[in-house]
Amino acid sequence: MFDNLHVARDGAVSIITINRPQVLNALNIPTLDELRRVILDITADRAVRAVIVTGAGDKAFVAGADINELAGQQPNESKDYARFGQHVFDLIERAGKPVIAAINGFALGGGCELAMACTLRLAAEHARLGQPEINLGLIPGFAGTQRLTRLVGRGAALELLLTGRHITADEALRIGLVNRVLPAAALLAEAQTLAAALADKPPLAARYILEAVTHGQSVPFDQAQFLEATLFGLAASTDDMREGTAAFLEKRKPVFKGA
């Protein structure tokens, strides 16, 4: 049981809801720590093959960090706070299974950073995204300067970071910040449909794809190719590969077991 999260299971899909609607699901240290514990459990649970992260209510995914908590911090505390948030979001990015952000409203500051740490992002039509930290005399602290640049490119990222403006879901789709925009009423159902489809894929191959993309973008291209070839070799040695190829030749649906 958690004070700030609600965690549910739907088959092989785990659904995490940030549950602080009274403050638009703002992230404070206890919430980040609960999220850390949940992600570690999910990473270790082979029965979970895909994850959805969303926010309680219909106004916010996560509206940002808890400003009341942040305003009282000393500089050394703020650095530790940023490093802790980065650690938690790194765990999400490196969980080894697909994580879908179902952005059901405001995703600002730490909320946008949380969404960017996820594998895929689906946004409701009314969602608003942005990194408005500059308006508080701050900069993003949970890797927003880094992930935003990698997702949308240097120019678009700098415009959002330096202006602090909020963008619509449609603009976020246009610049590549989200993958799909959906009517609010259809958002969670579409996220569940996508998560179920991803959970049906071979989990080892999914993990190797995530590792190749996540680690490959931070090393020179020749090293990234070597990593890809190594992971290809590992995938080719799995029972799932043998099942997948046999099912293809036998014209039947494969049954992947993660081995």
Protein backbone atom coordinates (compact mmCIF):
# COMPACT_ATOMS: atom_id res chain seq x y z
CA MET A 1 0.00 0.00 0.00
CA PHE A 2 1.20 3.51 -0.84
CA ASP A 3 0.20 6.97 0.33
CA ASN A 4 0.75 8.74 -3.00
CA LEU A 5 0.41 6.04 -5.65
CA HIS A 6 -2.22 3.57 -6.73
CA VAL A 7 -0.88 0.40 -8.34
CA ALA A 8 -3.07 -2.09 -10.17
CA ARG A 9 -2.54 -5.13 -12.41
CA ASP A 10 -4.32 -6.04 -15.61
CA GLY A 11 -2.83 -9.36 -16.70
CA ALA A 12 0.79 -8.73 -17.61
CA VAL A 13 0.32 -4.94 -17.42
CA SER A 14 0.99 -2.88 -14.29
CA ILE A 15 -0.82 0.47 -14.01
CA ILE A 16 0.75 3.13 -11.77
CA THR A 17 -1.37 6.18 -10.93
CA ILE A 18 0.21 9.20 -9.27
CA ASN A 19 -2.49 9.83 -6.69
CA ARG A 20 -2.21 13.38 -5.32
CA PRO A 21 -5.05 15.10 -7.21
CA GLN A 22 -5.41 17.79 -4.53
CA VAL A 23 -2.03 19.21 -5.68
CA LEU A 24 -2.38 18.18 -9.34
CA ASN A 25 -0.25 15.08 -8.63
CA ALA A 26 2.85 17.16 -7.90
CA LEU A 27 5.96 15.15 -7.14
CA ASN A 28 7.42 15.38 -3.65
CA ILE A 29 10.16 13.25 -2.13
CA PRO A 30 7.80 10.65 -0.60
CA THR A 31 6.05 10.23 -3.96
CA LEU A 32 9.37 9.85 -5.79
CA ASP A 33 10.48 7.26 -3.23
CA GLU A 34 7.26 5.29 -3.62
CA LEU A 35 7.71 5.42 -7.39
CA ARG A 36 11.27 4.17 -6.96
CA ARG A 37 10.09 1.18 -4.92
CA VAL A 38 7.32 0.32 -7.36
CA ILE A 39 9.62 0.46 -10.39
CA LEU A 40 12.21 -1.75 -8.68
CA ASP A 41 9.49 -4.31 -7.88
CA ILE A 42 8.15 -4.20 -11.43
CA THR A 43 11.63 -4.53 -12.93
CA ALA A 44 12.20 -7.70 -10.90
CA ASP A 45 8.73 -9.17 -11.60
CA ARG A 46 8.93 -11.31 -14.74
CA ALA A 47 5.14 -11.57 -14.83
CA VAL A 48 4.91 -7.83 -15.61
CA ARG A 49 5.71 -7.20 -19.26
CA ALA A 50 4.46 -3.63 -19.74
CA VAL A 51 3.66 -0.64 -17.55
CA ILE A 52 1.33 2.38 -17.74
CA VAL A 53 1.97 5.56 -15.73
CA THR A 54 -0.83 8.11 -15.40
CA GLY A 55 -2.22 10.70 -12.99
CA ALA A 56 -5.33 10.70 -10.81
CA GLY A 57 -8.22 12.86 -11.95
CA ASP A 58 -8.73 14.56 -15.31
CA LYS A 59 -6.70 17.75 -14.80
CA ALA A 60 -3.11 16.60 -14.45
CA PHE A 61 -0.72 13.82 -15.27
CA VAL A 62 1.87 15.47 -13.00
CA ALA A 63 1.84 19.26 -12.80
CA GLY A 64 5.45 19.42 -11.66
CA ALA A 65 7.54 19.22 -8.52
CA ASP A 66 6.02 20.17 -5.18
CA ILE A 67 6.93 23.87 -4.99
CA ASN A 68 6.24 24.07 -1.25
CA GLU A 69 8.85 21.41 -0.66
CA LEU A 70 11.31 22.88 -3.16
CA ALA A 71 11.07 26.44 -1.86
CA GLY A 72 12.36 25.43 1.57
CA GLN A 73 15.44 23.58 0.35
CA GLN A 74 19.03 24.73 0.72
CA PRO A 75 21.29 24.57 -2.38
CA ASN A 76 22.97 21.34 -1.31
CA GLU A 77 19.56 19.81 -0.62
CA SER A 78 18.30 20.87 -4.05
CA LYS A 79 21.20 19.15 -5.78
CA ASP A 80 20.53 15.93 -3.85
CA TYR A 81 16.83 16.26 -4.68
CA ALA A 82 17.62 16.60 -8.39
CA ARG A 83 19.99 13.63 -8.30
CA PHE A 84 17.36 11.52 -6.55
CA GLY A 85 14.72 12.42 -9.14
CA GLN A 86 17.18 11.63 -11.93
CA HIS A 87 17.87 8.25 -10.32
CA VAL A 88 14.17 7.38 -10.12
CA PHE A 89 13.53 8.39 -13.73
CA ASP A 90 16.62 6.46 -14.87
CA LEU A 91 15.09 3.38 -13.23
CA ILE A 92 11.96 3.90 -15.33
CA GLU A 93 13.93 4.35 -18.54
CA ARG A 94 16.06 1.28 -17.78
CA ALA A 95 13.34 -0.99 -16.40
CA GLY A 96 13.85 -3.38 -19.31
CA LYS A 97 10.18 -3.37 -20.28
CA PRO A 98 7.98 -0.83 -22.11
CA VAL A 99 6.56 1.97 -19.96
CA ILE A 100 3.71 4.06 -21.43
CA ALA A 101 2.90 7.54 -20.12
CA ALA A 102 -0.84 8.19 -20.39
CA ILE A 103 -0.75 12.00 -20.15
CA ASN A 104 -4.22 12.94 -18.95
CA GLY A 105 -3.66 16.65 -18.33
CA PHE A 106 -0.85 18.95 -17.27
CA ALA A 107 2.63 17.43 -17.68
CA LEU A 108 4.84 20.28 -16.60
CA GLY A 109 8.34 20.42 -15.15
CA GLY A 110 8.91 17.17 -13.32
CA GLY A 111 5.75 15.78 -14.91
CA CYS A 112 7.10 16.36 -18.40
CA GLU A 113 10.41 14.84 -17.27
CA LEU A 114 8.57 11.79 -15.92
CA ALA A 115 6.74 11.37 -19.23
CA MET A 116 10.00 11.68 -21.16
CA ALA A 117 11.59 8.92 -19.06
CA CYS A 118 8.83 6.57 -20.27
CA THR A 119 9.21 4.53 -23.43
CA LEU A 120 6.14 5.93 -25.22
CA ARG A 121 3.82 8.87 -24.55
CA LEU A 122 0.08 9.07 -25.29
CA ALA A 123 -1.58 12.42 -24.60
CA ALA A 124 -5.17 13.47 -24.14
CA GLU A 125 -6.30 16.27 -26.46
CA HIS A 126 -6.48 18.74 -23.57
CA ALA A 127 -3.03 17.90 -22.18
CA ARG A 128 -0.43 20.64 -21.83
CA LEU A 129 3.29 19.93 -21.66
CA GLY A 130 6.32 22.05 -20.89
CA GLN A 131 9.40 22.81 -18.85
CA PRO A 132 8.48 26.11 -17.14
CA GLU A 133 11.27 26.03 -14.53
CA ILE A 134 12.89 29.18 -15.92
CA ASN A 135 9.84 31.15 -14.77
CA LEU A 136 10.80 30.24 -11.18
CA GLY A 137 14.45 31.14 -11.66
CA LEU A 138 15.32 27.46 -12.02
CA ILE A 139 16.28 24.93 -14.66
CA PRO A 140 14.93 21.40 -15.05
CA GLY A 141 16.55 19.06 -12.54
CA PHE A 142 15.26 15.58 -13.44
CA ALA A 143 17.18 15.36 -16.77
CA GLY A 144 14.73 17.56 -18.65
CA THR A 145 17.48 19.46 -20.46
CA GLN A 146 18.90 16.16 -21.66
CA ARG A 147 15.89 14.03 -22.56
CA LEU A 148 13.98 16.89 -24.18
CA THR A 149 16.93 17.67 -26.46
CA ARG A 150 17.25 14.02 -27.45
CA LEU A 151 13.53 13.72 -28.19
CA VAL A 152 12.79 16.92 -30.11
CA GLY A 153 16.18 18.28 -31.14
CA ARG A 154 18.31 21.16 -29.88
CA GLY A 155 16.38 24.07 -31.38
CA ALA A 156 12.90 23.01 -30.27
CA ALA A 157 14.20 22.00 -26.85
CA LEU A 158 15.95 25.31 -26.26
CA GLU A 159 12.84 27.25 -27.24
CA LEU A 160 10.74 25.36 -24.69
CA LEU A 161 13.41 25.52 -21.99
CA LEU A 162 14.18 29.22 -22.41
CA THR A 163 10.60 30.47 -22.82
CA GLY A 164 9.06 28.11 -20.28
CA ARG A 165 5.88 28.07 -22.34
CA HIS A 166 3.27 25.33 -22.24
CA ILE A 167 2.47 23.56 -25.49
CA THR A 168 -0.66 21.75 -26.60
CA ALA A 169 -0.82 18.03 -27.17
CA ASP A 170 -1.03 18.64 -30.92
CA GLU A 171 2.18 20.70 -30.91
CA ALA A 172 3.86 18.07 -28.75
CA LEU A 173 2.90 15.49 -31.37
CA ARG A 174 4.22 17.68 -34.19
CA ILE A 175 7.66 18.10 -32.60
CA GLY A 176 7.92 14.45 -31.53
CA LEU A 177 7.44 14.89 -27.80
CA VAL A 178 4.43 12.53 -27.75
CA ASN A 179 3.56 9.55 -29.92
CA ARG A 180 -0.22 9.92 -30.15
CA VAL A 181 -2.98 12.36 -29.22
CA LEU A 182 -6.35 10.94 -28.22
CA PRO A 183 -9.73 12.07 -26.89
CA ALA A 184 -9.54 12.16 -23.10
CA ALA A 185 -12.24 9.52 -22.77
CA ALA A 186 -10.24 7.08 -24.89
CA LEU A 187 -6.79 7.72 -23.41
CA LEU A 188 -6.51 5.04 -20.75
CA ALA A 189 -8.25 2.39 -22.85
CA GLU A 190 -5.85 3.06 -25.73
CA ALA A 191 -2.90 2.93 -23.35
CA GLN A 192 -4.14 -0.42 -22.03
CA THR A 193 -4.62 -1.76 -25.55
CA LEU A 194 -1.10 -0.70 -26.51
CA ALA A 195 0.37 -2.06 -23.26
CA ALA A 196 -1.37 -5.41 -23.79
CA ALA A 197 0.01 -5.60 -27.33
CA LEU A 198 3.53 -4.83 -26.09
CA ALA A 199 3.15 -7.35 -23.24
CA ASP A 200 2.37 -10.00 -25.85
CA LYS A 201 5.78 -9.52 -27.51
CA PRO A 202 8.85 -11.56 -26.48
CA PRO A 203 10.07 -9.82 -23.31
CA LEU A 204 13.77 -10.52 -23.85
CA ALA A 205 13.72 -9.05 -27.35
CA ALA A 206 11.85 -6.01 -26.00
CA ARG A 207 14.46 -5.58 -23.28
CA TYR A 208 17.33 -5.82 -25.76
CA ILE A 209 15.68 -3.24 -28.05
CA LEU A 210 15.31 -0.85 -25.12
CA GLU A 211 18.94 -1.41 -24.10
CA ALA A 212 20.20 -0.88 -27.64
CA VAL A 213 18.32 2.40 -28.02
CA THR A 214 18.94 3.76 -24.51
CA HIS A 215 22.64 2.96 -24.33
CA GLY A 216 23.38 3.26 -28.03
CA GLN A 217 22.50 6.95 -28.23
CA SER A 218 25.18 7.87 -25.68
CA VAL A 219 28.16 6.19 -27.40
CA PRO A 220 29.83 6.60 -30.81
CA PHE A 221 28.00 4.99 -33.72
CA ASP A 222 30.49 2.16 -34.20
CA GLN A 223 30.18 1.23 -30.53
CA ALA A 224 26.39 1.40 -30.78
CA GLN A 225 26.49 -0.97 -33.75
CA PHE A 226 28.70 -3.36 -31.78
CA LEU A 227 26.20 -3.23 -28.89
CA GLU A 228 23.35 -3.94 -31.29
CA ALA A 229 25.16 -6.93 -32.80
CA THR A 230 25.90 -8.31 -29.33
CA LEU A 231 22.29 -7.98 -28.26
CA PHE A 232 21.18 -9.51 -31.57
CA GLY A 233 23.36 -12.51 -30.76
CA LEU A 234 21.82 -12.82 -27.30
CA ALA A 235 18.30 -12.60 -28.75
CA ALA A 236 19.15 -15.29 -31.31
CA SER A 237 20.11 -17.66 -28.50
CA THR A 238 16.76 -17.52 -26.70
CA ASP A 239 13.92 -20.03 -26.62
CA ASP A 240 11.63 -17.17 -27.62
CA MET A 241 13.54 -16.77 -30.89
CA ARG A 242 13.13 -20.47 -31.62
CA GLU A 243 9.45 -20.26 -30.75
CA GLY A 244 8.97 -17.15 -32.89
CA THR A 245 10.65 -18.58 -35.95
CA ALA A 246 8.89 -21.94 -35.56
CA ALA A 247 5.51 -20.24 -35.21
CA PHE A 248 6.21 -18.17 -38.33
CA LEU A 249 7.06 -21.26 -40.37
CA GLU A 250 4.11 -23.20 -38.96
CA LYS A 251 1.72 -20.27 -39.54
CA ARG A 252 0.53 -20.09 -35.92
CA LYS A 253 0.56 -17.53 -33.11
CA PRO A 254 3.76 -17.71 -31.04
CA VAL A 255 3.69 -18.15 -27.28
CA PHE A 256 6.61 -16.27 -25.76
CA LYS A 257 7.78 -17.21 -22.26
CA GLY A 258 10.67 -14.84 -21.71
CA ALA A 259 13.36 -17.50 -21.93
